[in-house]
């Protein structure tokens, strides 16, 4: 492993997990524990945890080359796309008027952590991605979309004051067409980020003239 990563990754892992732990404990203290645990339904939280777990697995399995090879490529690329997506989607769709925008936790999970993970990708990526990865990378967002819509329709808990984890998915309030337009825009963004990730991986590994 790159010597820089040996020191860098523990710092990123600690930063992400400490941020989530502090926020989780703070919310449990300040409100109903069950409702506050619903924050873990947010895509942002899930992706941050997944990134920390990926980094941790790499760190504690440095001698297991088979596992490290599995963690590279498709998995690493997908997580990087999701982390960058978290930043762009939040900034465009949710940041305006967010009363918690300037809180440390919010800035951490939407901006700082994704930037740190993206930097790790630039330092460590040594795999040239294939454009076929795109299909795999769209699976999690698609499953999450179904989950978020189901949560809203069934009236299950979330930490937003509404059963819809993300308000822009509330077709019962805004109508089907506006929500569909947003969903299409989200998929377009994911595809653009995925294609860019694949292109950069090839460029970094000298597969593009």
N, C-alpha and C. Protein backbone atom coordinates (compact mmCIF):
# COMPACT_ATOMS: atom_id res chain seq x y z
N UNK A 1 0.84 -1.19 0.00
CA UNK A 1 0.00 0.00 0.00
C UNK A 1 0.88 1.25 0.00
N UNK A 2 0.45 2.26 -0.74
CA UNK A 2 1.12 3.54 -0.75
C UNK A 2 1.31 4.04 0.68
N UNK A 3 2.53 4.48 1.03
CA UNK A 3 2.80 4.91 2.40
C UNK A 3 1.91 6.07 2.82
N UNK A 4 1.58 6.92 1.87
CA UNK A 4 0.69 8.04 2.19
C UNK A 4 -0.65 7.53 2.68
N UNK A 5 -1.17 6.48 2.03
CA UNK A 5 -2.48 5.94 2.38
C UNK A 5 -2.48 5.29 3.75
N UNK A 6 -1.35 4.74 4.16
CA UNK A 6 -1.27 4.09 5.47
C UNK A 6 -1.61 5.08 6.59
N UNK A 7 -1.22 6.33 6.39
CA UNK A 7 -1.50 7.37 7.39
C UNK A 7 -2.79 8.13 7.06
N UNK A 8 -3.06 8.27 5.78
CA UNK A 8 -4.21 9.07 5.34
C UNK A 8 -5.54 8.38 5.64
N UNK A 9 -5.62 7.10 5.33
CA UNK A 9 -6.90 6.40 5.46
C UNK A 9 -7.41 6.32 6.90
N UNK A 10 -6.56 6.06 7.90
CA UNK A 10 -7.09 6.07 9.27
C UNK A 10 -7.69 7.42 9.66
N UNK A 11 -7.09 8.50 9.17
CA UNK A 11 -7.62 9.82 9.46
C UNK A 11 -8.99 10.02 8.83
N UNK A 12 -9.15 9.57 7.59
CA UNK A 12 -10.44 9.71 6.91
C UNK A 12 -11.50 8.85 7.59
N UNK A 13 -11.14 7.61 7.93
CA UNK A 13 -12.07 6.71 8.62
C UNK A 13 -12.52 7.34 9.94
N UNK A 14 -11.56 7.81 10.72
CA UNK A 14 -11.88 8.43 12.00
C UNK A 14 -12.75 9.65 11.85
N UNK A 15 -12.46 10.45 10.83
CA UNK A 15 -13.24 11.66 10.59
C UNK A 15 -14.69 11.33 10.27
N UNK A 16 -14.90 10.39 9.35
CA UNK A 16 -16.26 10.03 8.94
C UNK A 16 -17.03 9.42 10.11
N UNK A 17 -16.44 8.44 10.77
CA UNK A 17 -17.15 7.74 11.85
C UNK A 17 -17.39 8.64 13.06
N UNK A 18 -16.42 9.48 13.39
CA UNK A 18 -16.60 10.39 14.52
C UNK A 18 -17.72 11.39 14.24
N UNK A 19 -17.76 11.89 13.02
CA UNK A 19 -18.82 12.82 12.63
C UNK A 19 -20.19 12.19 12.77
N UNK A 20 -20.33 10.97 12.26
CA UNK A 20 -21.62 10.28 12.32
C UNK A 20 -22.00 9.93 13.75
N UNK A 21 -21.03 9.51 14.54
CA UNK A 21 -21.31 9.13 15.93
C UNK A 21 -21.77 10.34 16.75
N UNK A 22 -21.07 11.44 16.61
CA UNK A 22 -21.44 12.65 17.35
C UNK A 22 -22.84 13.11 16.97
N UNK A 23 -23.13 13.11 15.68
CA UNK A 23 -24.46 13.54 15.23
C UNK A 23 -25.54 12.60 15.71
N UNK A 24 -25.26 11.29 15.66
CA UNK A 24 -26.25 10.31 16.08
C UNK A 24 -26.56 10.46 17.57
N UNK A 25 -25.54 10.56 18.38
CA UNK A 25 -25.73 10.71 19.83
C UNK A 25 -26.44 12.01 20.15
N UNK A 26 -26.05 13.08 19.47
CA UNK A 26 -26.68 14.38 19.71
C UNK A 26 -28.17 14.34 19.40
N UNK A 27 -28.53 13.71 18.29
CA UNK A 27 -29.94 13.64 17.91
C UNK A 27 -30.72 12.74 18.85
N UNK A 28 -30.12 11.67 19.31
CA UNK A 28 -30.82 10.78 20.24
C UNK A 28 -31.09 11.51 21.56
N UNK A 29 -30.15 12.33 22.00
CA UNK A 29 -30.32 13.09 23.23
C UNK A 29 -31.43 14.13 23.08
N UNK A 30 -31.50 14.73 21.90
CA UNK A 30 -32.42 15.85 21.70
C UNK A 30 -33.80 15.47 21.20
N UNK A 31 -34.00 14.22 20.82
CA UNK A 31 -35.33 13.83 20.34
C UNK A 31 -35.56 12.35 20.56
N UNK A 32 -36.70 11.86 20.10
CA UNK A 32 -37.05 10.46 20.25
C UNK A 32 -36.00 9.58 19.58
N UNK A 33 -35.50 8.60 20.31
CA UNK A 33 -34.40 7.76 19.79
C UNK A 33 -34.78 7.04 18.51
N UNK A 34 -35.98 6.49 18.47
CA UNK A 34 -36.42 5.76 17.28
C UNK A 34 -36.48 6.65 16.06
N UNK A 35 -36.99 7.86 16.24
CA UNK A 35 -37.09 8.80 15.13
C UNK A 35 -35.70 9.22 14.66
N UNK A 36 -34.81 9.44 15.60
CA UNK A 36 -33.46 9.88 15.25
C UNK A 36 -32.67 8.80 14.53
N UNK A 37 -32.92 7.55 14.90
CA UNK A 37 -32.24 6.46 14.21
C UNK A 37 -32.67 6.38 12.75
N UNK A 38 -33.83 6.98 12.45
CA UNK A 38 -34.32 6.98 11.07
C UNK A 38 -33.42 7.80 10.15
N UNK A 39 -32.52 8.62 10.72
CA UNK A 39 -31.59 9.38 9.88
C UNK A 39 -30.71 8.45 9.07
N UNK A 40 -30.55 7.21 9.55
CA UNK A 40 -29.72 6.25 8.84
C UNK A 40 -30.37 5.76 7.55
N UNK A 41 -31.62 6.17 7.34
CA UNK A 41 -32.28 5.86 6.07
C UNK A 41 -31.79 6.79 4.96
N UNK A 42 -31.17 7.90 5.32
CA UNK A 42 -30.71 8.85 4.32
C UNK A 42 -29.58 8.27 3.48
N UNK A 43 -29.65 8.48 2.18
CA UNK A 43 -28.62 7.98 1.28
C UNK A 43 -27.25 8.54 1.66
N UNK A 44 -27.21 9.80 2.04
CA UNK A 44 -25.94 10.42 2.42
C UNK A 44 -25.26 9.66 3.55
N UNK A 45 -26.04 9.30 4.58
CA UNK A 45 -25.49 8.60 5.73
C UNK A 45 -24.99 7.22 5.31
N UNK A 46 -25.79 6.51 4.53
CA UNK A 46 -25.42 5.17 4.09
C UNK A 46 -24.14 5.18 3.28
N UNK A 47 -24.02 6.14 2.37
CA UNK A 47 -22.84 6.21 1.51
C UNK A 47 -21.60 6.57 2.33
N UNK A 48 -21.74 7.47 3.29
CA UNK A 48 -20.61 7.82 4.16
C UNK A 48 -20.13 6.61 4.96
N UNK A 49 -21.08 5.86 5.53
CA UNK A 49 -20.71 4.64 6.26
C UNK A 49 -20.03 3.63 5.33
N UNK A 50 -20.59 3.46 4.14
CA UNK A 50 -20.03 2.49 3.18
C UNK A 50 -18.59 2.87 2.81
N UNK A 51 -18.35 4.16 2.63
CA UNK A 51 -17.00 4.62 2.30
C UNK A 51 -16.03 4.32 3.44
N UNK A 52 -16.47 4.57 4.67
CA UNK A 52 -15.61 4.30 5.84
C UNK A 52 -15.32 2.81 5.97
N UNK A 53 -16.33 1.98 5.73
CA UNK A 53 -16.15 0.52 5.80
C UNK A 53 -15.17 0.05 4.73
N UNK A 54 -15.31 0.60 3.52
CA UNK A 54 -14.40 0.23 2.43
C UNK A 54 -12.96 0.57 2.79
N UNK A 55 -12.75 1.76 3.32
CA UNK A 55 -11.41 2.17 3.73
C UNK A 55 -10.87 1.28 4.83
N UNK A 56 -11.74 0.93 5.78
CA UNK A 56 -11.32 0.08 6.90
C UNK A 56 -10.93 -1.32 6.42
N UNK A 57 -11.72 -1.88 5.52
CA UNK A 57 -11.41 -3.21 4.98
C UNK A 57 -10.06 -3.22 4.26
N UNK A 58 -9.78 -2.15 3.54
CA UNK A 58 -8.48 -2.04 2.87
C UNK A 58 -7.35 -1.95 3.87
N UNK A 59 -7.61 -1.23 4.95
CA UNK A 59 -6.56 -0.99 5.93
C UNK A 59 -6.20 -2.24 6.72
N UNK A 60 -7.21 -3.02 7.09
CA UNK A 60 -6.95 -4.18 7.96
C UNK A 60 -6.67 -5.47 7.19
N UNK A 61 -6.75 -5.38 5.87
CA UNK A 61 -6.49 -6.58 5.05
C UNK A 61 -5.38 -6.33 4.04
N UNK A 62 -4.36 -5.60 4.46
CA UNK A 62 -3.29 -5.23 3.54
C UNK A 62 -2.53 -6.43 2.97
N UNK A 63 -2.55 -7.55 3.68
CA UNK A 63 -1.81 -8.73 3.21
C UNK A 63 -2.68 -9.69 2.41
N UNK A 64 -3.96 -9.40 2.31
CA UNK A 64 -4.88 -10.27 1.57
C UNK A 64 -5.10 -9.69 0.18
N UNK A 65 -4.22 -10.03 -0.75
CA UNK A 65 -4.26 -9.43 -2.07
C UNK A 65 -5.52 -9.80 -2.84
N UNK A 66 -6.05 -10.99 -2.59
CA UNK A 66 -7.28 -11.42 -3.27
C UNK A 66 -8.43 -10.49 -2.90
N UNK A 67 -8.58 -10.22 -1.60
CA UNK A 67 -9.65 -9.33 -1.14
C UNK A 67 -9.42 -7.91 -1.63
N UNK A 68 -8.18 -7.45 -1.58
CA UNK A 68 -7.87 -6.10 -2.02
C UNK A 68 -8.22 -5.91 -3.49
N UNK A 69 -7.96 -6.92 -4.30
CA UNK A 69 -8.29 -6.84 -5.72
C UNK A 69 -9.80 -6.76 -5.94
N UNK A 70 -10.56 -7.46 -5.08
CA UNK A 70 -12.02 -7.41 -5.18
C UNK A 70 -12.56 -6.04 -4.79
N UNK A 71 -11.89 -5.40 -3.83
CA UNK A 71 -12.33 -4.09 -3.36
C UNK A 71 -12.01 -2.99 -4.35
N UNK A 72 -11.03 -3.25 -5.21
CA UNK A 72 -10.66 -2.26 -6.22
C UNK A 72 -11.70 -2.21 -7.34
N UNK A 73 -11.42 -1.41 -8.32
CA UNK A 73 -12.23 -1.41 -9.53
C UNK A 73 -13.68 -1.04 -9.31
N UNK A 74 -14.56 -1.99 -9.56
CA UNK A 74 -15.99 -1.71 -9.59
C UNK A 74 -16.51 -1.17 -8.25
N UNK A 75 -16.08 -1.76 -7.14
CA UNK A 75 -16.57 -1.33 -5.82
C UNK A 75 -16.02 0.05 -5.47
N UNK A 76 -14.72 0.23 -5.64
CA UNK A 76 -14.09 1.52 -5.34
C UNK A 76 -14.68 2.62 -6.21
N UNK A 77 -14.80 2.32 -7.50
CA UNK A 77 -15.33 3.31 -8.42
C UNK A 77 -16.76 3.69 -8.10
N UNK A 78 -17.58 2.68 -7.78
CA UNK A 78 -18.97 2.95 -7.45
C UNK A 78 -19.11 3.83 -6.23
N UNK A 79 -18.35 3.53 -5.18
CA UNK A 79 -18.41 4.34 -3.96
C UNK A 79 -17.95 5.77 -4.22
N UNK A 80 -16.94 5.92 -5.06
CA UNK A 80 -16.45 7.26 -5.40
C UNK A 80 -17.53 8.04 -6.13
N UNK A 81 -18.20 7.40 -7.07
CA UNK A 81 -19.29 8.04 -7.79
C UNK A 81 -20.39 8.46 -6.82
N UNK A 82 -20.75 7.59 -5.89
CA UNK A 82 -21.82 7.90 -4.94
C UNK A 82 -21.42 9.07 -4.03
N UNK A 83 -20.18 9.09 -3.59
CA UNK A 83 -19.74 10.17 -2.70
C UNK A 83 -19.77 11.52 -3.43
N UNK A 84 -19.31 11.55 -4.66
CA UNK A 84 -19.36 12.79 -5.43
C UNK A 84 -20.81 13.16 -5.72
N UNK A 85 -21.64 12.16 -6.00
CA UNK A 85 -23.06 12.40 -6.23
C UNK A 85 -23.71 13.05 -5.02
N UNK A 86 -23.35 12.59 -3.82
CA UNK A 86 -23.89 13.16 -2.58
C UNK A 86 -23.63 14.66 -2.54
N UNK A 87 -22.41 15.06 -2.88
CA UNK A 87 -22.06 16.48 -2.86
C UNK A 87 -22.86 17.28 -3.88
N UNK A 88 -22.86 16.82 -5.12
CA UNK A 88 -23.51 17.57 -6.20
C UNK A 88 -25.02 17.60 -6.00
N UNK A 89 -25.63 16.45 -5.70
CA UNK A 89 -27.08 16.39 -5.54
C UNK A 89 -27.54 17.24 -4.36
N UNK A 90 -26.82 17.16 -3.25
CA UNK A 90 -27.20 17.97 -2.09
C UNK A 90 -27.10 19.46 -2.42
N UNK A 91 -25.99 19.84 -3.04
CA UNK A 91 -25.77 21.26 -3.33
C UNK A 91 -26.85 21.81 -4.27
N UNK A 92 -27.25 21.02 -5.23
CA UNK A 92 -28.22 21.48 -6.23
C UNK A 92 -29.65 21.39 -5.72
N UNK A 93 -30.00 20.27 -5.07
CA UNK A 93 -31.39 20.00 -4.73
C UNK A 93 -31.79 20.41 -3.31
N UNK A 94 -30.85 20.39 -2.38
CA UNK A 94 -31.25 20.50 -0.97
C UNK A 94 -30.59 21.62 -0.19
N UNK A 95 -29.47 22.12 -0.63
CA UNK A 95 -28.71 23.06 0.20
C UNK A 95 -29.39 24.41 0.37
N UNK A 96 -30.11 24.85 -0.67
CA UNK A 96 -30.75 26.16 -0.61
C UNK A 96 -31.82 26.20 0.49
N UNK A 97 -31.64 27.09 1.43
CA UNK A 97 -32.62 27.23 2.51
C UNK A 97 -32.47 26.21 3.62
N UNK A 98 -31.46 25.35 3.55
CA UNK A 98 -31.25 24.37 4.61
C UNK A 98 -30.75 25.08 5.87
N UNK A 99 -31.54 25.07 6.96
CA UNK A 99 -31.12 25.79 8.18
C UNK A 99 -29.89 25.17 8.83
N UNK A 100 -29.56 23.94 8.46
CA UNK A 100 -28.41 23.25 9.05
C UNK A 100 -27.19 23.26 8.14
N UNK A 101 -27.25 24.08 7.09
CA UNK A 101 -26.19 24.05 6.08
C UNK A 101 -24.81 24.25 6.68
N UNK A 102 -24.67 25.23 7.57
CA UNK A 102 -23.35 25.58 8.08
C UNK A 102 -22.93 24.77 9.30
N UNK A 103 -23.72 23.78 9.70
CA UNK A 103 -23.30 22.94 10.82
C UNK A 103 -22.14 22.05 10.38
N UNK A 104 -21.28 21.71 11.33
CA UNK A 104 -20.10 20.93 10.99
C UNK A 104 -20.47 19.57 10.39
N UNK A 105 -21.46 18.90 11.01
CA UNK A 105 -21.85 17.57 10.53
C UNK A 105 -22.34 17.63 9.10
N UNK A 106 -23.15 18.63 8.80
CA UNK A 106 -23.70 18.75 7.44
C UNK A 106 -22.59 18.99 6.43
N UNK A 107 -21.70 19.92 6.73
CA UNK A 107 -20.60 20.20 5.81
C UNK A 107 -19.68 18.99 5.68
N UNK A 108 -19.51 18.27 6.79
CA UNK A 108 -18.64 17.10 6.79
C UNK A 108 -19.15 16.01 5.87
N UNK A 109 -20.42 15.60 6.06
CA UNK A 109 -20.92 14.45 5.32
C UNK A 109 -21.28 14.77 3.88
N UNK A 110 -21.55 16.04 3.58
CA UNK A 110 -21.92 16.40 2.21
C UNK A 110 -20.76 16.94 1.37
N UNK A 111 -19.74 17.47 2.02
CA UNK A 111 -18.65 18.09 1.28
C UNK A 111 -17.27 17.54 1.65
N UNK A 112 -16.93 17.62 2.94
CA UNK A 112 -15.56 17.28 3.35
C UNK A 112 -15.25 15.80 3.13
N UNK A 113 -16.12 14.92 3.64
CA UNK A 113 -15.89 13.47 3.49
C UNK A 113 -15.82 13.05 2.02
N UNK A 114 -16.75 13.51 1.16
CA UNK A 114 -16.64 13.15 -0.26
C UNK A 114 -15.34 13.63 -0.90
N UNK A 115 -14.90 14.83 -0.54
CA UNK A 115 -13.65 15.35 -1.10
C UNK A 115 -12.47 14.49 -0.64
N UNK A 116 -12.47 14.11 0.64
CA UNK A 116 -11.39 13.27 1.17
C UNK A 116 -11.37 11.90 0.48
N UNK A 117 -12.57 11.35 0.24
CA UNK A 117 -12.64 10.04 -0.42
C UNK A 117 -12.22 10.14 -1.88
N UNK A 118 -12.61 11.23 -2.53
CA UNK A 118 -12.20 11.44 -3.92
C UNK A 118 -10.69 11.58 -4.02
N UNK A 119 -10.10 12.27 -3.06
CA UNK A 119 -8.64 12.41 -3.04
C UNK A 119 -7.98 11.04 -2.88
N UNK A 120 -8.56 10.19 -2.02
CA UNK A 120 -8.04 8.83 -1.85
C UNK A 120 -8.10 8.08 -3.18
N UNK A 121 -9.17 8.29 -3.93
CA UNK A 121 -9.32 7.62 -5.23
C UNK A 121 -8.21 8.04 -6.18
N UNK A 122 -7.92 9.34 -6.24
CA UNK A 122 -6.87 9.82 -7.13
C UNK A 122 -5.50 9.27 -6.73
N UNK A 123 -5.29 9.11 -5.43
CA UNK A 123 -4.00 8.61 -4.95
C UNK A 123 -3.85 7.11 -5.21
N UNK A 124 -4.94 6.37 -4.99
CA UNK A 124 -4.82 4.90 -4.94
C UNK A 124 -5.28 4.16 -6.19
N UNK A 125 -6.11 4.78 -7.02
CA UNK A 125 -6.68 4.01 -8.12
C UNK A 125 -5.63 3.59 -9.13
N UNK A 126 -5.53 2.29 -9.35
CA UNK A 126 -4.60 1.77 -10.35
C UNK A 126 -5.31 0.79 -11.28
N UNK A 127 -6.63 0.95 -11.38
CA UNK A 127 -7.44 0.06 -12.21
C UNK A 127 -8.13 0.88 -13.29
N UNK A 128 -8.07 0.41 -14.51
CA UNK A 128 -8.78 1.04 -15.61
C UNK A 128 -10.19 0.47 -15.69
N UNK A 129 -11.19 1.30 -15.49
CA UNK A 129 -12.57 0.83 -15.44
C UNK A 129 -13.12 0.54 -16.83
N UNK A 130 -14.11 -0.32 -16.85
CA UNK A 130 -14.81 -0.65 -18.09
C UNK A 130 -16.17 0.04 -18.07
N UNK A 131 -16.63 0.45 -19.25
CA UNK A 131 -17.92 1.15 -19.31
C UNK A 131 -19.09 0.25 -18.90
N UNK A 132 -18.86 -1.04 -18.87
CA UNK A 132 -19.90 -1.96 -18.41
C UNK A 132 -20.17 -1.80 -16.91
N UNK A 133 -19.22 -1.17 -16.18
CA UNK A 133 -19.41 -0.94 -14.74
C UNK A 133 -20.65 -0.08 -14.48
N UNK A 134 -20.97 0.76 -15.45
CA UNK A 134 -22.08 1.71 -15.28
C UNK A 134 -23.36 1.03 -14.85
N UNK A 135 -23.67 -0.11 -15.44
CA UNK A 135 -24.91 -0.82 -15.09
C UNK A 135 -24.92 -1.24 -13.63
N UNK A 136 -23.80 -1.72 -13.15
CA UNK A 136 -23.71 -2.15 -11.75
C UNK A 136 -23.84 -0.96 -10.81
N UNK A 137 -23.25 0.16 -11.18
CA UNK A 137 -23.27 1.33 -10.32
C UNK A 137 -24.66 1.95 -10.18
N UNK A 138 -25.56 1.64 -11.10
CA UNK A 138 -26.92 2.18 -11.02
C UNK A 138 -27.85 1.31 -10.18
N UNK A 139 -27.37 0.13 -9.76
CA UNK A 139 -28.23 -0.79 -9.00
C UNK A 139 -28.59 -0.20 -7.64
N UNK A 140 -27.58 0.23 -6.87
CA UNK A 140 -27.87 0.76 -5.53
C UNK A 140 -28.78 1.98 -5.57
N UNK A 141 -28.51 2.99 -6.41
CA UNK A 141 -29.42 4.14 -6.46
C UNK A 141 -30.84 3.75 -6.84
N UNK A 142 -30.98 2.76 -7.72
CA UNK A 142 -32.32 2.32 -8.13
C UNK A 142 -33.05 1.64 -6.98
N UNK A 143 -32.34 0.78 -6.26
CA UNK A 143 -32.93 0.12 -5.09
C UNK A 143 -33.28 1.15 -4.02
N UNK A 144 -32.41 2.14 -3.86
CA UNK A 144 -32.68 3.17 -2.86
C UNK A 144 -33.91 3.99 -3.24
N UNK A 145 -34.07 4.27 -4.51
CA UNK A 145 -35.25 5.01 -4.97
C UNK A 145 -36.52 4.27 -4.61
N UNK A 146 -36.54 2.96 -4.87
CA UNK A 146 -37.71 2.14 -4.52
C UNK A 146 -37.95 2.18 -3.01
N UNK A 147 -36.87 2.05 -2.24
CA UNK A 147 -36.97 2.09 -0.78
C UNK A 147 -37.53 3.42 -0.30
N UNK A 148 -37.00 4.53 -0.82
CA UNK A 148 -37.43 5.86 -0.38
C UNK A 148 -38.89 6.12 -0.73
N UNK A 149 -39.30 5.71 -1.92
CA UNK A 149 -40.70 5.89 -2.31
C UNK A 149 -41.62 5.03 -1.46
N UNK A 150 -41.21 3.80 -1.20
CA UNK A 150 -42.00 2.90 -0.36
C UNK A 150 -42.15 3.46 1.05
N UNK A 151 -41.06 3.99 1.58
CA UNK A 151 -41.08 4.60 2.92
C UNK A 151 -42.10 5.73 2.97
N UNK A 152 -42.13 6.53 1.91
CA UNK A 152 -43.06 7.65 1.86
C UNK A 152 -44.50 7.22 1.72
N UNK A 153 -44.76 6.29 0.81
CA UNK A 153 -46.13 5.83 0.56
C UNK A 153 -46.72 5.14 1.78
N UNK A 154 -45.89 4.37 2.48
CA UNK A 154 -46.37 3.64 3.66
C UNK A 154 -46.41 4.50 4.91
N UNK A 155 -45.92 5.73 4.81
CA UNK A 155 -45.96 6.63 5.96
C UNK A 155 -45.01 6.25 7.07
N UNK A 156 -43.89 5.61 6.73
CA UNK A 156 -42.92 5.20 7.74
C UNK A 156 -42.08 6.40 8.20
N UNK A 157 -41.35 6.21 9.26
CA UNK A 157 -40.62 7.33 9.87
C UNK A 157 -39.42 7.76 9.03
N UNK A 158 -39.08 9.02 9.16
CA UNK A 158 -37.83 9.58 8.63
C UNK A 158 -37.46 10.71 9.57
N UNK A 159 -36.32 11.31 9.35
CA UNK A 159 -35.91 12.40 10.25
C UNK A 159 -36.15 13.76 9.63
N UNK A 160 -37.06 13.82 8.66
CA UNK A 160 -37.31 15.08 7.95
C UNK A 160 -38.62 15.74 8.33
N UNK A 161 -39.39 15.09 9.20
CA UNK A 161 -40.71 15.62 9.53
C UNK A 161 -41.77 15.15 8.56
N UNK A 162 -41.38 14.34 7.61
CA UNK A 162 -42.29 13.76 6.62
C UNK A 162 -41.88 12.31 6.42
N UNK A 163 -42.81 11.50 5.95
CA UNK A 163 -42.45 10.11 5.68
C UNK A 163 -41.55 9.99 4.46
N UNK A 164 -41.49 11.05 3.65
CA UNK A 164 -40.60 11.05 2.49
C UNK A 164 -39.21 11.50 2.93
N UNK A 165 -38.24 10.60 2.79
CA UNK A 165 -36.88 10.89 3.24
C UNK A 165 -36.33 12.11 2.52
N UNK A 166 -36.66 12.23 1.24
CA UNK A 166 -36.30 13.40 0.45
C UNK A 166 -37.58 14.00 -0.12
N UNK A 167 -37.83 15.25 0.26
CA UNK A 167 -39.09 15.89 -0.10
C UNK A 167 -39.38 15.94 -1.58
N UNK A 168 -38.35 16.01 -2.42
CA UNK A 168 -38.58 16.11 -3.86
C UNK A 168 -39.14 14.82 -4.46
N UNK A 169 -39.20 13.75 -3.65
CA UNK A 169 -39.80 12.50 -4.12
C UNK A 169 -41.28 12.39 -3.75
N UNK A 170 -41.80 13.39 -3.07
CA UNK A 170 -43.19 13.35 -2.59
C UNK A 170 -44.15 13.65 -3.74
N UNK A 171 -44.47 12.63 -4.51
CA UNK A 171 -45.37 12.82 -5.66
C UNK A 171 -46.80 13.06 -5.21
N UNK A 172 -47.13 12.68 -3.98
CA UNK A 172 -48.47 12.93 -3.45
C UNK A 172 -48.70 14.41 -3.23
N UNK A 173 -47.63 15.15 -3.00
CA UNK A 173 -47.73 16.60 -2.81
C UNK A 173 -47.45 17.37 -4.09
N UNK A 174 -46.41 16.97 -4.81
CA UNK A 174 -45.97 17.75 -5.97
C UNK A 174 -46.48 17.21 -7.30
N UNK A 175 -46.99 15.99 -7.31
CA UNK A 175 -47.46 15.40 -8.54
C UNK A 175 -46.44 14.47 -9.16
N UNK A 176 -46.91 13.59 -10.02
CA UNK A 176 -46.05 12.56 -10.60
C UNK A 176 -45.01 13.14 -11.56
N UNK A 177 -45.44 14.05 -12.45
CA UNK A 177 -44.54 14.57 -13.48
C UNK A 177 -43.35 15.33 -12.89
N UNK A 178 -43.55 16.27 -11.95
CA UNK A 178 -42.40 16.97 -11.37
C UNK A 178 -41.40 16.02 -10.71
N UNK A 179 -41.92 15.01 -10.00
CA UNK A 179 -41.03 14.05 -9.34
C UNK A 179 -40.28 13.23 -10.39
N UNK A 180 -40.97 12.83 -11.45
CA UNK A 180 -40.33 12.06 -12.52
C UNK A 180 -39.20 12.86 -13.16
N UNK A 181 -39.42 14.15 -13.35
CA UNK A 181 -38.38 15.00 -13.95
C UNK A 181 -37.14 15.03 -13.06
N UNK A 182 -37.36 15.16 -11.75
CA UNK A 182 -36.23 15.18 -10.81
C UNK A 182 -35.49 13.84 -10.84
N UNK A 183 -36.25 12.74 -10.85
CA UNK A 183 -35.64 11.41 -10.86
C UNK A 183 -34.80 11.22 -12.13
N UNK A 184 -35.33 11.64 -13.27
CA UNK A 184 -34.58 11.54 -14.52
C UNK A 184 -33.30 12.36 -14.44
N UNK A 185 -33.40 13.57 -13.88
CA UNK A 185 -32.22 14.43 -13.73
C UNK A 185 -31.17 13.78 -12.84
N UNK A 186 -31.63 13.10 -11.78
CA UNK A 186 -30.72 12.41 -10.87
C UNK A 186 -29.98 11.29 -11.60
N UNK A 187 -30.72 10.53 -12.42
CA UNK A 187 -30.09 9.45 -13.17
C UNK A 187 -29.09 9.99 -14.20
N UNK A 188 -29.44 11.11 -14.83
CA UNK A 188 -28.52 11.73 -15.78
C UNK A 188 -27.23 12.13 -15.08
N UNK A 189 -27.37 12.71 -13.88
CA UNK A 189 -26.20 13.10 -13.10
C UNK A 189 -25.35 11.88 -12.75
N UNK A 190 -26.00 10.81 -12.31
CA UNK A 190 -25.26 9.59 -11.97
C UNK A 190 -24.52 9.03 -13.17
N UNK A 191 -25.16 9.05 -14.32
CA UNK A 191 -24.53 8.53 -15.53
C UNK A 191 -23.33 9.40 -15.92
N UNK A 192 -23.49 10.72 -15.83
CA UNK A 192 -22.39 11.63 -16.16
C UNK A 192 -21.20 11.39 -15.24
N UNK A 193 -21.47 11.29 -13.94
CA UNK A 193 -20.40 11.06 -12.97
C UNK A 193 -19.73 9.71 -13.20
N UNK A 194 -20.53 8.71 -13.56
CA UNK A 194 -19.99 7.37 -13.80
C UNK A 194 -19.08 7.35 -15.03
N UNK A 195 -19.56 7.97 -16.11
CA UNK A 195 -18.77 8.02 -17.34
C UNK A 195 -17.47 8.80 -17.10
N UNK A 196 -17.58 9.89 -16.34
CA UNK A 196 -16.39 10.68 -16.04
C UNK A 196 -15.39 9.87 -15.21
N UNK A 197 -15.90 9.09 -14.26
CA UNK A 197 -15.04 8.24 -13.44
C UNK A 197 -14.32 7.20 -14.29
N UNK A 198 -15.05 6.59 -15.20
CA UNK A 198 -14.45 5.58 -16.08
C UNK A 198 -13.39 6.21 -16.98
N UNK A 199 -13.73 7.37 -17.55
CA UNK A 199 -12.79 8.07 -18.42
C UNK A 199 -11.50 8.42 -17.68
N UNK A 200 -11.66 8.97 -16.47
CA UNK A 200 -10.48 9.36 -15.69
C UNK A 200 -9.63 8.16 -15.30
N UNK A 201 -10.29 7.04 -14.98
CA UNK A 201 -9.53 5.84 -14.62
C UNK A 201 -8.68 5.37 -15.79
N UNK A 202 -9.23 5.46 -16.98
CA UNK A 202 -8.48 5.07 -18.17
C UNK A 202 -7.34 6.06 -18.43
N UNK A 203 -7.65 7.33 -18.25
CA UNK A 203 -6.64 8.37 -18.46
C UNK A 203 -5.49 8.21 -17.47
N UNK A 204 -5.84 7.98 -16.21
CA UNK A 204 -4.81 7.83 -15.17
C UNK A 204 -3.95 6.59 -15.39
N UNK A 205 -4.55 5.59 -16.05
CA UNK A 205 -3.81 4.35 -16.30
C UNK A 205 -3.35 4.24 -17.75
N UNK A 206 -3.32 5.40 -18.42
CA UNK A 206 -2.73 5.51 -19.76
C UNK A 206 -3.37 4.62 -20.80
N UNK A 207 -4.70 4.51 -20.76
CA UNK A 207 -5.37 3.72 -21.79
C UNK A 207 -6.02 4.60 -22.84
N UNK A 208 -5.87 5.92 -22.69
CA UNK A 208 -6.42 6.85 -23.67
C UNK A 208 -5.25 7.62 -24.27
N UNK A 209 -5.21 7.66 -25.57
CA UNK A 209 -4.10 8.35 -26.23
C UNK A 209 -4.24 9.86 -26.09
